[in-house]
Every structure is written in structure tokens, then in C-alpha cells.
Amino acid sequence: MESRSVGRAHVGGPFQMTTHEGKPFTDKDLLGKWSLIYFGFTNCPDICPEELDKMGAAVTELDKIFGPIVQPIFISVDPARDTLPQMTRYVSDFHPRLIGLAGDYATTKATCKAYRVYFSTPPGTKPGDDYLVDHSIFFYFMDPDGKFVDAFGKSSTEMDVVERVKREVEEWNAEKKARLV
């Protein structure tokens, strides 16, 4: 595994947020599972739903191959409007295991910084206003140790995601098996 860390982007790190079910969730909760993490907002008219649909479809395909080893995560970049009830309604549209995470502005900003995610809310907006949040449009693929593996952008297809995750999981399993011999 040491060779896998050479040249790897430093993405991810400690965070503490709240799930759409009101439970605490930290970076430690990702350990032991592969994860796909998307940063967006529930009032997004098109890009976030498209990316979450793609991510959910890829996870469904991966479940058929490996079982439920990939955890899909949605992290809100709109703490003013993305309440837990709003997050609960939103994540239910995409994948049954999708976990929605939210936090206050400082928590959101720190989590985005750790993951190198850009987001910007128009100045002077209030929670009841109709506005768009400008943000990075990709989702991260993280390994069971919480380390960054890859990022999938808008141009990545569902099959691109499935093939990349499949290859990484198979290599990981082969290396793990080789260490036991």
C-alpha cells in the first residue's frame, strides 16, 4: 500500500458533521469502507441531481459485483438552507444507502477545505432567498483507510466510475491477500 500513496493528492481529513437522520458523523465513520463523496446543495436545479444519479447508479452496479462495500455520501455546501428534514427528503431520491451530511457554516467550510472543494454563496443572501451555490462539480473516491484515490467529474460516466472502483478494489484485495501469504 505504500506505493499507492506516492503522488497521491492530499484530499480529505478530519471532519465532524451531522447525518440527515440527526446522528453525528466523522471522517472515522468512513474507515473500513470505500466511499464516494459528493459536495452539493439540495436546491440545485440540475447538476447535483445528475451527479448524484450517476453516483447512485454506479453504487448499485458495484453492489451487484461486490456487495455493499461502497458508501455513497452527499455533503451540503448550503448550510443556511439544507436543514436535516430537507436533506432527508433529498437523499431519498438517489440511493437507499446515501448518507446526507450537514453542518453549520464553519464546519462546512472546514470540511470543504480539507477536501479541496470550492463553494461560494452570493453575498447578502438569506436562508429564504432563491439562489444558487457555486461549487466544485466532482465526487471523490476514497479507500477504506480514508485516503483519496480519484475524482470523477461531469465528463465521467457511470461506467467510468464502476470500472475505476472495480479495478481499485480488486488491486486492494490482491495486495491484502499477498500480505497474508
N, C-alpha and C. Protein backbone atom coordinates (compact mmCIF):
# COMPACT_ATOMS: atom_id res chain seq x y z
N MET A 1 0.81 -1.20 0.00
CA MET A 1 0.00 0.00 0.00
C MET A 1 0.85 1.26 0.00
N GLU A 2 2.08 1.17 0.46
CA GLU A 2 2.92 2.37 0.49
C GLU A 2 3.06 2.98 -0.88
N SER A 3 3.21 2.14 -1.91
CA SER A 3 3.38 2.66 -3.27
C SER A 3 2.16 3.44 -3.73
N ARG A 4 1.00 3.12 -3.18
CA ARG A 4 -0.22 3.81 -3.57
C ARG A 4 -0.25 5.26 -3.09
N SER A 5 0.54 5.59 -2.07
CA SER A 5 0.48 6.94 -1.53
C SER A 5 1.42 7.90 -2.24
N VAL A 6 2.35 7.39 -3.03
CA VAL A 6 3.29 8.25 -3.74
C VAL A 6 2.54 8.99 -4.84
N GLY A 7 2.65 10.29 -4.83
CA GLY A 7 1.99 11.10 -5.85
C GLY A 7 0.49 11.26 -5.66
N ARG A 8 -0.02 10.86 -4.53
CA ARG A 8 -1.45 10.94 -4.27
C ARG A 8 -1.79 12.33 -3.74
N ALA A 9 -2.86 12.91 -4.26
CA ALA A 9 -3.29 14.23 -3.80
C ALA A 9 -3.71 14.16 -2.34
N HIS A 10 -3.41 15.22 -1.60
CA HIS A 10 -3.81 15.28 -0.19
C HIS A 10 -5.23 15.84 -0.13
N VAL A 11 -6.18 14.93 -0.17
CA VAL A 11 -7.60 15.27 -0.15
C VAL A 11 -8.23 14.51 1.00
N GLY A 12 -9.04 15.19 1.77
CA GLY A 12 -9.71 14.56 2.90
C GLY A 12 -9.04 14.95 4.19
N GLY A 13 -9.62 14.51 5.27
CA GLY A 13 -9.10 14.82 6.58
C GLY A 13 -10.20 14.81 7.61
N PRO A 14 -9.84 15.21 8.82
CA PRO A 14 -10.82 15.18 9.90
C PRO A 14 -12.01 16.12 9.64
N PHE A 15 -13.19 15.63 9.96
CA PHE A 15 -14.39 16.46 9.93
C PHE A 15 -15.42 15.87 10.87
N GLN A 16 -16.37 16.72 11.27
CA GLN A 16 -17.47 16.26 12.12
C GLN A 16 -18.72 16.97 11.64
N MET A 17 -19.68 16.19 11.16
CA MET A 17 -20.93 16.75 10.65
C MET A 17 -22.09 15.96 11.25
N THR A 18 -23.29 16.23 10.77
CA THR A 18 -24.49 15.54 11.24
C THR A 18 -25.17 14.89 10.05
N THR A 19 -25.61 13.64 10.22
CA THR A 19 -26.31 12.95 9.13
C THR A 19 -27.71 13.52 8.96
N HIS A 20 -28.33 13.18 7.85
CA HIS A 20 -29.70 13.61 7.60
C HIS A 20 -30.66 13.01 8.63
N GLU A 21 -30.20 11.99 9.35
CA GLU A 21 -31.01 11.39 10.42
C GLU A 21 -30.71 12.00 11.78
N GLY A 22 -29.86 13.03 11.82
CA GLY A 22 -29.55 13.72 13.07
C GLY A 22 -28.46 13.08 13.91
N LYS A 23 -27.72 12.14 13.34
CA LYS A 23 -26.66 11.45 14.07
C LYS A 23 -25.30 12.08 13.77
N PRO A 24 -24.39 12.07 14.74
CA PRO A 24 -23.04 12.59 14.46
C PRO A 24 -22.32 11.67 13.46
N PHE A 25 -21.50 12.28 12.63
CA PHE A 25 -20.75 11.53 11.61
C PHE A 25 -19.41 12.21 11.43
N THR A 26 -18.33 11.43 11.51
CA THR A 26 -16.99 11.99 11.34
C THR A 26 -16.25 11.22 10.25
N ASP A 27 -15.06 11.71 9.95
CA ASP A 27 -14.20 11.02 8.99
C ASP A 27 -13.92 9.58 9.44
N LYS A 28 -13.94 9.33 10.73
CA LYS A 28 -13.69 7.97 11.26
C LYS A 28 -14.78 6.99 10.83
N ASP A 29 -15.99 7.51 10.58
CA ASP A 29 -17.09 6.65 10.14
C ASP A 29 -16.90 6.15 8.71
N LEU A 30 -15.98 6.74 7.98
CA LEU A 30 -15.69 6.30 6.61
C LEU A 30 -14.69 5.15 6.59
N LEU A 31 -13.94 4.99 7.66
CA LEU A 31 -12.89 3.98 7.68
C LEU A 31 -13.47 2.56 7.58
N GLY A 32 -12.79 1.74 6.80
CA GLY A 32 -13.22 0.36 6.62
C GLY A 32 -14.13 0.15 5.43
N LYS A 33 -14.53 1.24 4.77
CA LYS A 33 -15.38 1.15 3.58
C LYS A 33 -14.79 2.02 2.48
N TRP A 34 -15.06 1.64 1.27
CA TRP A 34 -14.78 2.52 0.14
C TRP A 34 -15.88 3.57 0.17
N SER A 35 -15.60 4.78 -0.26
CA SER A 35 -16.67 5.78 -0.28
C SER A 35 -16.57 6.66 -1.50
N LEU A 36 -17.73 7.14 -1.92
CA LEU A 36 -17.86 8.13 -2.98
C LEU A 36 -18.53 9.33 -2.32
N ILE A 37 -17.90 10.49 -2.39
CA ILE A 37 -18.35 11.68 -1.67
C ILE A 37 -18.59 12.82 -2.64
N TYR A 38 -19.82 13.34 -2.63
CA TYR A 38 -20.18 14.47 -3.49
C TYR A 38 -20.58 15.66 -2.63
N PHE A 39 -20.10 16.83 -2.97
CA PHE A 39 -20.44 18.08 -2.30
C PHE A 39 -21.40 18.85 -3.19
N GLY A 40 -22.55 19.24 -2.65
CA GLY A 40 -23.54 19.98 -3.44
C GLY A 40 -24.59 20.59 -2.54
N PHE A 41 -25.75 20.91 -3.12
CA PHE A 41 -26.82 21.51 -2.32
C PHE A 41 -28.17 21.06 -2.84
N THR A 42 -29.14 20.98 -1.95
CA THR A 42 -30.42 20.37 -2.27
C THR A 42 -31.29 21.21 -3.20
N ASN A 43 -31.04 22.50 -3.30
CA ASN A 43 -31.83 23.34 -4.19
C ASN A 43 -31.21 23.45 -5.58
N CYS A 44 -30.20 22.68 -5.85
CA CYS A 44 -29.54 22.68 -7.16
C CYS A 44 -30.54 22.18 -8.21
N PRO A 45 -30.72 22.93 -9.28
CA PRO A 45 -31.75 22.54 -10.25
C PRO A 45 -31.37 21.39 -11.18
N ASP A 46 -30.07 21.16 -11.44
CA ASP A 46 -29.75 20.14 -12.43
C ASP A 46 -28.44 19.38 -12.18
N ILE A 47 -27.34 20.06 -11.96
CA ILE A 47 -26.04 19.39 -11.90
C ILE A 47 -25.95 18.44 -10.70
N CYS A 48 -26.31 18.88 -9.53
CA CYS A 48 -26.23 17.99 -8.35
C CYS A 48 -27.09 16.74 -8.53
N PRO A 49 -28.36 16.89 -8.94
CA PRO A 49 -29.15 15.67 -9.15
C PRO A 49 -28.55 14.74 -10.21
N GLU A 50 -28.01 15.30 -11.28
CA GLU A 50 -27.38 14.47 -12.32
C GLU A 50 -26.19 13.70 -11.76
N GLU A 51 -25.35 14.38 -11.01
CA GLU A 51 -24.16 13.74 -10.46
C GLU A 51 -24.53 12.71 -9.39
N LEU A 52 -25.53 13.00 -8.57
CA LEU A 52 -25.96 12.04 -7.55
C LEU A 52 -26.66 10.84 -8.18
N ASP A 53 -27.40 11.06 -9.27
CA ASP A 53 -27.98 9.94 -10.01
C ASP A 53 -26.88 9.03 -10.55
N LYS A 54 -25.85 9.65 -11.13
CA LYS A 54 -24.72 8.88 -11.68
C LYS A 54 -24.02 8.11 -10.56
N MET A 55 -23.76 8.78 -9.46
CA MET A 55 -23.09 8.14 -8.34
C MET A 55 -23.93 6.98 -7.80
N GLY A 56 -25.23 7.20 -7.62
CA GLY A 56 -26.12 6.16 -7.12
C GLY A 56 -26.20 4.96 -8.06
N ALA A 57 -26.25 5.22 -9.36
CA ALA A 57 -26.30 4.13 -10.34
C ALA A 57 -25.00 3.33 -10.30
N ALA A 58 -23.86 4.01 -10.15
CA ALA A 58 -22.58 3.32 -10.07
C ALA A 58 -22.53 2.45 -8.80
N VAL A 59 -23.00 2.98 -7.68
CA VAL A 59 -23.01 2.21 -6.43
C VAL A 59 -23.91 0.98 -6.58
N THR A 60 -25.05 1.13 -7.22
CA THR A 60 -25.95 -0.01 -7.46
C THR A 60 -25.25 -1.09 -8.28
N GLU A 61 -24.53 -0.69 -9.32
CA GLU A 61 -23.78 -1.66 -10.13
C GLU A 61 -22.67 -2.32 -9.32
N LEU A 62 -21.97 -1.53 -8.53
CA LEU A 62 -20.89 -2.07 -7.70
C LEU A 62 -21.43 -3.03 -6.64
N ASP A 63 -22.63 -2.75 -6.12
CA ASP A 63 -23.27 -3.66 -5.16
C ASP A 63 -23.47 -5.05 -5.79
N LYS A 64 -23.80 -5.09 -7.08
CA LYS A 64 -24.02 -6.36 -7.77
C LYS A 64 -22.72 -7.16 -7.88
N ILE A 65 -21.59 -6.46 -7.94
CA ILE A 65 -20.29 -7.12 -8.09
C ILE A 65 -19.71 -7.51 -6.74
N PHE A 66 -19.72 -6.57 -5.78
CA PHE A 66 -19.01 -6.76 -4.52
C PHE A 66 -19.89 -6.82 -3.28
N GLY A 67 -21.16 -6.53 -3.41
CA GLY A 67 -21.99 -6.33 -2.23
C GLY A 67 -21.84 -4.87 -1.79
N PRO A 68 -22.44 -4.50 -0.67
CA PRO A 68 -22.47 -3.09 -0.26
C PRO A 68 -21.16 -2.61 0.38
N ILE A 69 -20.08 -2.56 -0.39
CA ILE A 69 -18.79 -2.12 0.16
C ILE A 69 -18.49 -0.65 -0.11
N VAL A 70 -19.30 0.00 -0.96
CA VAL A 70 -19.07 1.41 -1.28
C VAL A 70 -20.17 2.25 -0.62
N GLN A 71 -19.75 3.20 0.20
CA GLN A 71 -20.70 4.08 0.90
C GLN A 71 -20.83 5.39 0.14
N PRO A 72 -22.03 5.70 -0.39
CA PRO A 72 -22.24 6.99 -1.02
C PRO A 72 -22.55 8.07 0.03
N ILE A 73 -21.92 9.24 -0.15
CA ILE A 73 -22.07 10.35 0.80
C ILE A 73 -22.39 11.63 0.02
N PHE A 74 -23.31 12.42 0.53
CA PHE A 74 -23.61 13.75 -0.01
C PHE A 74 -23.36 14.76 1.11
N ILE A 75 -22.48 15.73 0.85
CA ILE A 75 -22.18 16.75 1.85
C ILE A 75 -22.71 18.09 1.34
N SER A 76 -23.55 18.72 2.13
CA SER A 76 -24.15 20.00 1.76
C SER A 76 -23.15 21.15 1.84
N VAL A 77 -23.18 22.00 0.80
CA VAL A 77 -22.39 23.24 0.81
C VAL A 77 -23.32 24.45 0.99
N ASP A 78 -24.54 24.20 1.45
CA ASP A 78 -25.53 25.27 1.66
C ASP A 78 -26.12 25.15 3.07
N PRO A 79 -25.29 25.43 4.09
CA PRO A 79 -25.77 25.22 5.47
C PRO A 79 -26.97 26.09 5.84
N ALA A 80 -27.17 27.20 5.18
CA ALA A 80 -28.29 28.09 5.52
C ALA A 80 -29.64 27.47 5.17
N ARG A 81 -29.71 26.72 4.08
CA ARG A 81 -31.00 26.17 3.63
C ARG A 81 -31.12 24.66 3.79
N ASP A 82 -30.02 23.93 3.80
CA ASP A 82 -30.10 22.47 3.84
C ASP A 82 -30.26 21.96 5.27
N THR A 83 -31.51 22.04 5.73
CA THR A 83 -31.86 21.53 7.06
C THR A 83 -31.88 20.00 7.02
N LEU A 84 -31.88 19.37 8.17
CA LEU A 84 -31.92 17.91 8.20
C LEU A 84 -33.18 17.35 7.54
N PRO A 85 -34.38 17.92 7.79
CA PRO A 85 -35.56 17.40 7.07
C PRO A 85 -35.43 17.56 5.55
N GLN A 86 -34.86 18.69 5.11
CA GLN A 86 -34.65 18.92 3.68
C GLN A 86 -33.67 17.88 3.12
N MET A 87 -32.60 17.61 3.86
CA MET A 87 -31.60 16.62 3.44
C MET A 87 -32.22 15.22 3.38
N THR A 88 -33.07 14.89 4.36
CA THR A 88 -33.72 13.57 4.38
C THR A 88 -34.55 13.36 3.13
N ARG A 89 -35.35 14.35 2.77
CA ARG A 89 -36.18 14.25 1.55
C ARG A 89 -35.29 14.11 0.32
N TYR A 90 -34.24 14.90 0.28
CA TYR A 90 -33.38 14.96 -0.91
C TYR A 90 -32.62 13.64 -1.13
N VAL A 91 -31.93 13.14 -0.12
CA VAL A 91 -31.11 11.94 -0.32
C VAL A 91 -31.96 10.71 -0.65
N SER A 92 -33.22 10.70 -0.22
CA SER A 92 -34.08 9.54 -0.50
C SER A 92 -34.36 9.38 -2.00
N ASP A 93 -34.10 10.43 -2.78
CA ASP A 93 -34.33 10.37 -4.22
C ASP A 93 -33.22 9.67 -5.00
N PHE A 94 -32.10 9.36 -4.35
CA PHE A 94 -30.94 8.92 -5.13
C PHE A 94 -30.48 7.49 -4.88
N HIS A 95 -30.18 7.12 -3.68
CA HIS A 95 -29.75 5.76 -3.38
C HIS A 95 -30.14 5.44 -1.95
N PRO A 96 -30.62 4.22 -1.69
CA PRO A 96 -31.10 3.90 -0.33
C PRO A 96 -30.03 4.01 0.76
N ARG A 97 -28.75 3.88 0.40
CA ARG A 97 -27.70 3.98 1.41
C ARG A 97 -27.01 5.34 1.42
N LEU A 98 -27.46 6.27 0.58
CA LEU A 98 -26.84 7.59 0.54
C LEU A 98 -27.01 8.29 1.88
N ILE A 99 -25.90 8.74 2.44
CA ILE A 99 -25.92 9.49 3.70
C ILE A 99 -25.72 10.96 3.38
N GLY A 100 -26.66 11.78 3.84
CA GLY A 100 -26.54 13.22 3.68
C GLY A 100 -25.90 13.81 4.92
N LEU A 101 -24.90 14.68 4.72
CA LEU A 101 -24.21 15.32 5.85
C LEU A 101 -24.35 16.82 5.77
N ALA A 102 -24.59 17.43 6.94
CA ALA A 102 -24.73 18.88 7.01
C ALA A 102 -24.05 19.38 8.28
N GLY A 103 -23.77 20.66 8.26
CA GLY A 103 -23.17 21.30 9.42
C GLY A 103 -23.37 22.80 9.32
N ASP A 104 -22.93 23.53 10.33
CA ASP A 104 -23.03 24.98 10.26
C ASP A 104 -21.99 25.49 9.26
N TYR A 105 -21.97 26.80 9.04
CA TYR A 105 -21.09 27.36 8.02
C TYR A 105 -19.62 27.05 8.31
N ALA A 106 -19.17 27.22 9.54
CA ALA A 106 -17.76 27.00 9.88
C ALA A 106 -17.37 25.53 9.65
N THR A 107 -18.24 24.62 10.04
CA THR A 107 -17.99 23.19 9.84
C THR A 107 -17.94 22.85 8.35
N THR A 108 -18.90 23.39 7.61
CA THR A 108 -18.96 23.16 6.16
C THR A 108 -17.70 23.69 5.49
N LYS A 109 -17.31 24.90 5.85
CA LYS A 109 -16.12 25.50 5.26
C LYS A 109 -14.86 24.67 5.56
N ALA A 110 -14.71 24.22 6.80
CA ALA A 110 -13.55 23.42 7.19
C ALA A 110 -13.53 22.07 6.45
N THR A 111 -14.69 21.44 6.32
CA THR A 111 -14.77 20.16 5.62
C THR A 111 -14.44 20.35 4.14
N CYS A 112 -14.98 21.39 3.54
CA CYS A 112 -14.68 21.68 2.13
C CYS A 112 -13.19 21.97 1.94
N LYS A 113 -12.60 22.67 2.87
CA LYS A 113 -11.17 22.97 2.77
C LYS A 113 -10.35 21.68 2.82
N ALA A 114 -10.71 20.78 3.72
CA ALA A 114 -9.99 19.50 3.84
C ALA A 114 -10.08 18.69 2.55
N TYR A 115 -11.21 18.79 1.88
CA TYR A 115 -11.42 18.03 0.65
C TYR A 115 -11.12 18.84 -0.62
N ARG A 116 -10.60 20.04 -0.43
CA ARG A 116 -10.22 20.90 -1.56
C ARG A 116 -11.42 21.22 -2.46
N VAL A 117 -12.56 21.46 -1.82
CA VAL A 117 -13.79 21.78 -2.53
C VAL A 117 -14.05 23.27 -2.45
N TYR A 118 -14.33 23.85 -3.59
CA TYR A 118 -14.68 25.27 -3.68
C TYR A 118 -16.19 25.41 -3.57
N PHE A 119 -16.65 26.39 -2.79
CA PHE A 119 -18.07 26.76 -2.81
C PHE A 119 -18.20 28.22 -2.47
N SER A 120 -19.22 28.85 -3.04
CA SER A 120 -19.45 30.27 -2.81
C SER A 120 -20.94 30.58 -2.91
N THR A 121 -21.45 31.20 -1.88
CA THR A 121 -22.84 31.64 -1.85
C THR A 121 -22.86 33.13 -2.19
N PRO A 122 -23.83 33.58 -2.99
CA PRO A 122 -23.88 35.01 -3.31
C PRO A 122 -23.94 35.87 -2.04
N PRO A 123 -23.20 36.98 -2.02
CA PRO A 123 -23.20 37.83 -0.82
C PRO A 123 -24.59 38.37 -0.48
N GLY A 124 -24.86 38.48 0.81
CA GLY A 124 -26.10 39.09 1.29
C GLY A 124 -27.33 38.21 1.20
N THR A 125 -27.17 36.94 0.88
CA THR A 125 -28.34 36.07 0.78
C THR A 125 -28.82 35.64 2.17
N LYS A 126 -30.12 35.36 2.23
CA LYS A 126 -30.74 34.87 3.45
C LYS A 126 -31.30 33.48 3.18
N PRO A 127 -31.50 32.66 4.23
CA PRO A 127 -31.98 31.29 4.03
C PRO A 127 -33.23 31.17 3.15
N GLY A 128 -34.15 32.10 3.20
CA GLY A 128 -35.38 32.01 2.41
C GLY A 128 -35.22 32.49 0.98
N ASP A 129 -34.07 33.05 0.64
CA ASP A 129 -33.84 33.56 -0.72
C ASP A 129 -33.68 32.41 -1.72
N ASP A 130 -33.96 32.75 -2.97
CA ASP A 130 -33.73 31.80 -4.06
C ASP A 130 -32.38 32.14 -4.68
N TYR A 131 -31.40 31.25 -4.50
CA TYR A 131 -30.06 31.49 -5.02
C TYR A 131 -29.39 30.17 -5.36
N LEU A 132 -28.35 30.25 -6.15
CA LEU A 132 -27.54 29.08 -6.47
C LEU A 132 -26.22 29.19 -5.73
N VAL A 133 -25.66 28.05 -5.37
CA VAL A 133 -24.35 27.99 -4.73
C VAL A 133 -23.36 27.51 -5.78
N ASP A 134 -22.37 28.32 -6.05
CA ASP A 134 -21.32 27.92 -6.97
C ASP A 134 -20.41 26.94 -6.22
N HIS A 135 -20.09 25.80 -6.83
CA HIS A 135 -19.26 24.81 -6.13
C HIS A 135 -18.56 23.89 -7.12
N SER A 136 -17.55 23.20 -6.62
CA SER A 136 -16.84 22.19 -7.41
C SER A 136 -17.81 21.10 -7.83
N ILE A 137 -17.65 20.60 -9.06
CA ILE A 137 -18.58 19.60 -9.58
C ILE A 137 -17.83 18.30 -9.85
N PHE A 138 -17.56 17.55 -8.83
CA PHE A 138 -16.99 16.22 -8.95
C PHE A 138 -17.20 15.49 -7.65
N PHE A 139 -17.08 14.16 -7.70
CA PHE A 139 -17.14 13.42 -6.44
C PHE A 139 -15.87 12.61 -6.28
N TYR A 140 -15.54 12.43 -5.01
CA TYR A 140 -14.30 11.78 -4.63
C TYR A 140 -14.49 10.30 -4.38
N PHE A 141 -13.47 9.55 -4.72
CA PHE A 141 -13.40 8.12 -4.44
C PHE A 141 -12.31 7.96 -3.39
N MET A 142 -12.70 7.46 -2.21
CA MET A 142 -11.79 7.31 -1.08
C MET A 142 -11.68 5.83 -0.72
N ASP A 143 -10.48 5.40 -0.29
CA ASP A 143 -10.27 4.00 0.06
C ASP A 143 -10.66 3.73 1.51
N PRO A 144 -10.63 2.46 1.95
CA PRO A 144 -11.05 2.12 3.32
C PRO A 144 -10.17 2.73 4.42
N ASP A 145 -9.00 3.25 4.06
CA ASP A 145 -8.15 3.95 5.03
C ASP A 145 -8.45 5.45 5.05
N GLY A 146 -9.45 5.87 4.28
CA GLY A 146 -9.79 7.28 4.22
C GLY A 146 -8.89 8.10 3.31
N LYS A 147 -8.14 7.44 2.45
CA LYS A 147 -7.21 8.11 1.55
C LYS A 147 -7.85 8.33 0.18
N PHE A 148 -7.52 9.45 -0.41
CA PHE A 148 -8.00 9.80 -1.74
C PHE A 148 -7.48 8.83 -2.80
N VAL A 149 -8.37 8.39 -3.68
CA VAL A 149 -7.99 7.52 -4.79
C VAL A 149 -8.15 8.25 -6.11
N ASP A 150 -9.31 8.87 -6.33
CA ASP A 150 -9.59 9.52 -7.62
C ASP A 150 -10.76 10.48 -7.46
N ALA A 151 -10.95 11.31 -8.48
CA ALA A 151 -12.10 12.21 -8.53
C ALA A 151 -12.79 12.02 -9.88
N PHE A 152 -14.11 12.05 -9.85
CA PHE A 152 -14.91 11.89 -11.06
C PHE A 152 -15.65 13.18 -11.34
N GLY A 153 -15.42 13.73 -12.50
CA GLY A 153 -16.06 14.97 -12.90
C GLY A 153 -17.30 14.73 -13.74
N LYS A 154 -17.84 15.81 -14.21
CA LYS A 154 -19.07 15.77 -15.01
C LYS A 154 -18.92 14.90 -16.26
N SER A 155 -17.71 14.88 -16.82
CA SER A 155 -17.50 14.11 -18.05
C SER A 155 -17.34 12.61 -17.79
N SER A 156 -17.17 12.20 -16.54
CA SER A 156 -17.07 10.77 -16.20
C SER A 156 -18.45 10.14 -16.32
N THR A 157 -18.49 8.96 -16.89
CA THR A 157 -19.76 8.24 -17.00
C THR A 157 -19.92 7.29 -15.81
N GLU A 158 -21.11 6.76 -15.68
CA GLU A 158 -21.37 5.75 -14.65
C GLU A 158 -20.40 4.58 -14.82
N MET A 159 -20.19 4.14 -16.05
CA MET A 159 -19.30 3.00 -16.30
C MET A 159 -17.84 3.36 -16.01
N ASP A 160 -17.45 4.61 -16.24
CA ASP A 160 -16.09 5.04 -15.86
C ASP A 160 -15.89 4.85 -14.36
N VAL A 161 -16.89 5.25 -13.60
CA VAL A 161 -16.83 5.14 -12.14
C VAL A 161 -16.77 3.67 -11.74
N VAL A 162 -17.67 2.86 -12.29
CA VAL A 162 -17.73 1.44 -11.95
C VAL A 162 -16.39 0.76 -12.27
N GLU A 163 -15.86 1.00 -13.46
CA GLU A 163 -14.61 0.34 -13.86
C GLU A 163 -13.44 0.79 -12.99
N ARG A 164 -13.36 2.07 -12.67
CA ARG A 164 -12.24 2.57 -11.84
C ARG A 164 -12.33 2.00 -10.42
N VAL A 165 -13.52 2.02 -9.85
CA VAL A 165 -13.69 1.48 -8.49
C VAL A 165 -13.42 -0.02 -8.50
N LYS A 166 -13.95 -0.72 -9.47
CA LYS A 166 -13.74 -2.17 -9.57
C LYS A 166 -12.25 -2.49 -9.63
N ARG A 167 -11.52 -1.78 -10.48
CA ARG A 167 -10.08 -2.03 -10.61
C ARG A 167 -9.35 -1.79 -9.28
N GLU A 168 -9.69 -0.70 -8.62
CA GLU A 168 -9.02 -0.36 -7.36
C GLU A 168 -9.34 -1.38 -6.27
N VAL A 169 -10.60 -1.79 -6.17
CA VAL A 169 -10.99 -2.77 -5.16
C VAL A 169 -10.28 -4.10 -5.41
N GLU A 170 -10.22 -4.52 -6.67
CA GLU A 170 -9.55 -5.78 -6.99
C GLU A 170 -8.06 -5.71 -6.67
N GLU A 171 -7.40 -4.59 -7.00
CA GLU A 171 -5.98 -4.43 -6.68
C GLU A 171 -5.77 -4.42 -5.17
N TRP A 172 -6.63 -3.72 -4.45
CA TRP A 172 -6.55 -3.64 -2.99
C TRP A 172 -6.67 -5.04 -2.38
N ASN A 173 -7.66 -5.79 -2.86
CA ASN A 173 -7.88 -7.15 -2.34
C ASN A 173 -6.69 -8.06 -2.66
N ALA A 174 -6.13 -7.94 -3.85
CA ALA A 174 -4.97 -8.76 -4.23
C ALA A 174 -3.76 -8.42 -3.36
N GLU A 175 -3.54 -7.13 -3.09
CA GLU A 175 -2.43 -6.73 -2.25
C GLU A 175 -2.63 -7.21 -0.81
N LYS A 176 -3.85 -7.12 -0.33
CA LYS A 176 -4.16 -7.56 1.02
C LYS A 176 -3.93 -9.07 1.14
N LYS A 177 -4.36 -9.82 0.13
CA LYS A 177 -4.18 -11.26 0.12
C LYS A 177 -2.69 -11.61 0.06
N ALA A 178 -1.91 -10.88 -0.75
CA ALA A 178 -0.47 -11.13 -0.88
C ALA A 178 0.26 -10.88 0.45
N ARG A 179 -0.20 -9.92 1.23
CA ARG A 179 0.43 -9.63 2.52
C ARG A 179 0.19 -10.76 3.52
N LEU A 180 -0.91 -11.48 3.34
CA LEU A 180 -1.24 -12.57 4.27
C LEU A 180 -0.45 -13.84 3.98
N VAL A 181 0.10 -13.93 2.79
CA VAL A 181 0.83 -15.14 2.39
C VAL A 181 2.24 -15.12 2.94
